[in-house]
């Protein structure tokens, strides 16, 4: 299966949100992905829609140069672009305007690509809307998003996390839980102190993510960015 998949991705360029850098890198390391080129946008740009569009368009231009036949797969959630000044504009709108042959991996958010709604309901005991879902990328970049991009201080955090969320669950498809608990305990404690939310790791596989990537190769997925 890995051999077949490797040969099918080799003619594609992939653009991914930097929040999924670790998962994408793992799939390359195990031979699941072997794209012609893989590019990342900086993590957390959903907080800055103008910057998200700027970086995504820049990466699309680079990918179109490397893949002139426009076989481009974009790993971005459908709802990752939200601009109150342009409420109808989404990631798909940006991709559609950028040209033909660009396909977005289906999923509302990055974490949704790792674990679907039904699985998140099961993991959370039916309270998936009350969970702040993290990925390893979020563990590394939460300060960038909340403190630098949103500009929140501890008072903002106290107003936005406790009461709205039960806890943070990290969707761990990389086997990082033990390493973080042993080597990065202070970072976990800092996240807990700032958000007021318990941090819990939940082991998952990357099977859903791999399946969505394979789906993007289907002829029916061409132009899927507009779906």
Protein backbone atom coordinates (compact mmCIF):
# COMPACT_ATOMS: atom_id res chain seq x y z
CA UNK A 1 0.00 0.00 0.00
CA UNK A 2 2.80 2.42 0.92
CA UNK A 3 4.59 1.75 -2.38
CA UNK A 4 1.46 2.44 -4.39
CA UNK A 5 0.73 5.60 -2.46
CA UNK A 6 4.29 6.88 -2.82
CA UNK A 7 4.13 6.61 -6.59
CA UNK A 8 0.77 8.36 -6.79
CA UNK A 9 1.86 11.43 -4.79
CA UNK A 10 5.15 11.93 -6.59
CA UNK A 11 3.68 14.14 -9.31
CA UNK A 12 1.99 16.46 -6.82
CA UNK A 13 2.98 19.53 -4.90
CA UNK A 14 1.55 19.81 -1.39
CA UNK A 15 0.95 22.99 0.59
CA UNK A 16 0.18 22.52 4.27
CA UNK A 17 -0.60 24.67 7.26
CA UNK A 18 2.42 24.73 9.53
CA UNK A 19 0.29 23.45 12.42
CA UNK A 20 0.41 20.03 10.74
CA UNK A 21 4.12 20.12 10.00
CA UNK A 22 4.93 17.28 12.39
CA UNK A 23 2.23 14.95 11.01
CA UNK A 24 3.15 15.71 7.40
CA UNK A 25 6.82 15.14 8.15
CA UNK A 26 6.02 11.80 9.78
CA UNK A 27 4.10 10.68 6.67
CA UNK A 28 7.11 11.56 4.52
CA UNK A 29 9.46 9.72 6.89
CA UNK A 30 7.44 6.51 6.75
CA UNK A 31 7.22 6.65 2.96
CA UNK A 32 3.51 7.38 2.72
CA UNK A 33 4.14 10.72 1.02
CA UNK A 34 6.74 11.47 -1.61
CA UNK A 35 5.49 14.66 -3.28
CA UNK A 36 7.44 16.59 -5.88
CA UNK A 37 7.47 19.47 -3.41
CA UNK A 38 6.03 20.13 0.03
CA UNK A 39 5.60 23.67 1.31
CA UNK A 40 4.33 25.02 4.62
CA UNK A 41 2.71 28.26 5.65
CA UNK A 42 3.52 29.64 9.12
CA UNK A 43 1.39 28.07 11.85
CA UNK A 44 -1.52 29.94 13.39
CA UNK A 45 -2.36 32.29 10.54
CA UNK A 46 -6.09 31.59 10.93
CA UNK A 47 -5.80 34.33 13.56
CA UNK A 48 -4.60 36.77 10.87
CA UNK A 49 -6.75 36.19 7.76
CA UNK A 50 -4.93 38.77 5.62
CA UNK A 51 -1.59 37.13 6.39
CA UNK A 52 -3.05 33.68 5.79
CA UNK A 53 -4.17 34.69 2.32
CA UNK A 54 -0.83 36.36 1.59
CA UNK A 55 1.24 33.34 2.60
CA UNK A 56 -1.10 30.84 0.96
CA UNK A 57 -1.00 32.70 -2.36
CA UNK A 58 2.79 32.91 -2.15
CA UNK A 59 3.03 29.15 -1.62
CA UNK A 60 0.56 28.52 -4.44
CA UNK A 61 2.74 30.53 -6.81
CA UNK A 62 5.78 28.49 -5.79
CA UNK A 63 3.88 25.23 -6.20
CA UNK A 64 2.58 26.20 -9.63
CA UNK A 65 6.18 26.75 -10.74
CA UNK A 66 7.22 23.30 -9.53
CA UNK A 67 4.02 21.60 -10.68
CA UNK A 68 3.10 23.40 -13.90
CA UNK A 69 0.35 20.88 -14.54
CA UNK A 70 -1.28 22.32 -11.38
CA UNK A 71 -1.44 19.07 -9.46
CA UNK A 72 -1.56 20.79 -6.11
CA UNK A 73 -2.98 19.48 -2.84
CA UNK A 74 -3.69 22.00 -0.08
CA UNK A 75 -3.84 20.78 3.52
CA UNK A 76 -6.00 23.47 5.09
CA UNK A 77 -9.32 23.27 6.88
CA UNK A 78 -12.43 24.61 5.20
CA UNK A 79 -13.09 26.98 8.12
CA UNK A 80 -9.51 28.10 8.77
CA UNK A 81 -10.09 31.42 6.99
CA UNK A 82 -12.66 33.69 8.60
CA UNK A 83 -12.73 37.44 7.94
CA UNK A 84 -15.55 39.49 9.46
CA UNK A 85 -15.09 42.07 6.68
CA UNK A 86 -15.66 39.38 4.03
CA UNK A 87 -17.94 36.83 5.71
CA UNK A 88 -18.50 34.74 2.57
CA UNK A 89 -14.81 34.34 1.81
CA UNK A 90 -13.18 31.05 2.78
CA UNK A 91 -10.03 29.08 2.02
CA UNK A 92 -11.87 27.51 -0.92
CA UNK A 93 -12.57 30.96 -2.37
CA UNK A 94 -8.86 31.76 -2.33
CA UNK A 95 -7.96 28.45 -3.96
CA UNK A 96 -10.67 28.72 -6.61
CA UNK A 97 -9.41 32.17 -7.63
CA UNK A 98 -5.81 30.90 -7.78
CA UNK A 99 -6.44 28.52 -10.70
CA UNK A 100 -7.53 25.07 -11.78
CA UNK A 101 -6.37 21.70 -10.51
CA UNK A 102 -5.96 22.77 -6.87
CA UNK A 103 -7.57 20.35 -4.42
CA UNK A 104 -8.08 20.91 -0.71
CA UNK A 105 -7.97 17.97 1.66
CA UNK A 106 -11.47 17.78 3.11
CA UNK A 107 -11.94 18.75 6.75
CA UNK A 108 -13.24 21.75 8.67
CA UNK A 109 -10.02 22.31 10.62
CA UNK A 110 -6.60 20.72 10.90
CA UNK A 111 -7.59 18.72 13.98
CA UNK A 112 -10.71 17.54 12.13
CA UNK A 113 -8.43 15.93 9.52
CA UNK A 114 -6.82 13.93 12.32
CA UNK A 115 -9.99 12.96 14.16
CA UNK A 116 -13.52 13.27 12.78
CA UNK A 117 -16.59 14.46 14.64
CA UNK A 118 -17.76 10.97 15.64
CA UNK A 119 -14.35 10.06 17.02
CA UNK A 120 -14.10 13.34 18.89
CA UNK A 121 -17.52 12.73 20.39
CA UNK A 122 -16.35 9.32 21.56
CA UNK A 123 -13.05 10.67 22.92
CA UNK A 124 -14.81 13.48 24.78
CA UNK A 125 -17.73 11.45 26.08
CA UNK A 126 -20.19 13.35 23.92
CA UNK A 127 -18.81 16.79 24.78
CA UNK A 128 -16.64 17.49 21.76
CA UNK A 129 -17.85 21.11 21.56
CA UNK A 130 -16.59 21.68 25.12
CA UNK A 131 -13.06 20.52 24.34
CA UNK A 132 -10.22 22.76 23.15
CA UNK A 133 -8.69 20.42 20.58
CA UNK A 134 -4.94 20.63 20.20
CA UNK A 135 -2.44 18.94 17.91
CA UNK A 136 1.33 18.75 18.56
CA UNK A 137 1.64 21.87 16.43
CA UNK A 138 -0.68 23.71 18.78
CA UNK A 139 1.43 22.66 21.76
CA UNK A 140 4.42 24.29 20.11
CA UNK A 141 2.66 27.40 18.86
CA UNK A 142 -0.15 28.30 21.25
CA UNK A 143 1.73 31.35 22.52
CA UNK A 144 2.18 32.62 18.97
CA UNK A 145 -1.55 32.33 18.31
CA UNK A 146 -3.04 33.57 21.54
CA UNK A 147 -0.42 35.95 22.91
CA UNK A 148 1.23 37.37 19.79
CA UNK A 149 -1.51 37.20 17.12
CA UNK A 150 -4.61 37.67 19.27
CA UNK A 151 -2.73 39.78 21.81
CA UNK A 152 -4.37 38.13 24.80
CA UNK A 153 -3.07 38.49 28.33
CA UNK A 154 -3.93 36.31 31.33
CA UNK A 155 -7.16 38.23 31.90
CA UNK A 156 -8.28 37.52 28.33
CA UNK A 157 -7.36 33.87 28.77
CA UNK A 158 -9.40 33.68 31.97
CA UNK A 159 -12.38 35.19 30.16
CA UNK A 160 -12.17 32.88 27.14
CA UNK A 161 -11.20 29.43 28.41
CA UNK A 162 -12.62 28.35 31.81
CA UNK A 163 -16.36 27.91 31.63
CA UNK A 164 -16.31 27.58 27.85
CA UNK A 165 -14.12 24.47 27.73
CA UNK A 166 -13.79 21.45 29.99
CA UNK A 167 -10.15 20.75 29.13
CA UNK A 168 -7.54 20.59 26.37
CA UNK A 169 -7.16 17.29 24.54
CA UNK A 170 -4.05 16.84 22.40
CA UNK A 171 -4.71 14.52 19.44
CA UNK A 172 -1.44 12.62 19.51
CA UNK A 173 -0.77 10.69 16.32
CA UNK A 174 3.00 10.83 16.85
CA UNK A 175 3.43 9.11 20.22
CA UNK A 176 4.59 12.27 21.97
CA UNK A 177 2.71 11.96 25.26
CA UNK A 178 5.45 10.32 27.31
CA UNK A 179 8.14 12.64 25.94
CA UNK A 180 6.10 15.72 26.79
CA UNK A 181 5.21 14.53 30.25
CA UNK A 182 8.83 13.63 31.02
CA UNK A 183 10.81 16.31 29.16
CA UNK A 184 8.38 19.20 28.76
CA UNK A 185 6.38 19.07 31.98
CA UNK A 186 7.01 22.76 32.68
CA UNK A 187 5.56 23.71 29.28
CA UNK A 188 2.43 21.69 29.99
CA UNK A 189 2.13 23.34 33.42
CA UNK A 190 2.52 26.78 31.83
CA UNK A 191 -0.28 26.01 29.37
CA UNK A 192 -2.49 24.80 32.25
CA UNK A 193 -1.73 27.89 34.33
CA UNK A 194 -2.50 30.27 31.47
CA UNK A 195 -5.68 28.65 30.21
CA UNK A 196 -6.95 27.18 33.46
CA UNK A 197 -7.59 23.93 31.58
CA UNK A 198 -6.28 20.45 32.28
CA UNK A 199 -4.15 19.11 29.41
CA UNK A 200 -4.78 15.52 28.34
CA UNK A 201 -3.12 13.53 25.57
CA UNK A 202 -5.16 11.10 23.52
CA UNK A 203 -3.40 8.62 21.26
CA UNK A 204 -4.76 8.39 17.73
CA UNK A 205 -3.55 6.91 14.46
CA UNK A 206 -2.90 8.92 11.31
CA UNK A 207 -5.24 6.64 9.34
CA UNK A 208 -7.99 9.24 8.88
CA UNK A 209 -5.45 11.82 7.72
CA UNK A 210 -3.90 9.36 5.29
CA UNK A 211 -7.32 8.45 3.92
CA UNK A 212 -8.22 12.10 3.31
CA UNK A 213 -4.93 12.65 1.51
CA UNK A 214 -5.59 9.62 -0.70
CA UNK A 215 -9.11 10.89 -1.41
CA UNK A 216 -7.59 14.11 -2.76
CA UNK A 217 -5.96 12.08 -5.55
CA UNK A 218 -9.31 10.97 -6.94
CA UNK A 219 -10.32 12.43 -10.31
CA UNK A 220 -13.56 13.45 -8.63
CA UNK A 221 -11.53 15.64 -6.26
CA UNK A 222 -10.24 17.88 -9.04
CA UNK A 223 -11.72 21.26 -8.40
CA UNK A 224 -12.61 20.00 -4.91
CA UNK A 225 -11.45 23.26 -3.44
CA UNK A 226 -14.76 24.73 -4.43
CA UNK A 227 -16.83 22.07 -2.67
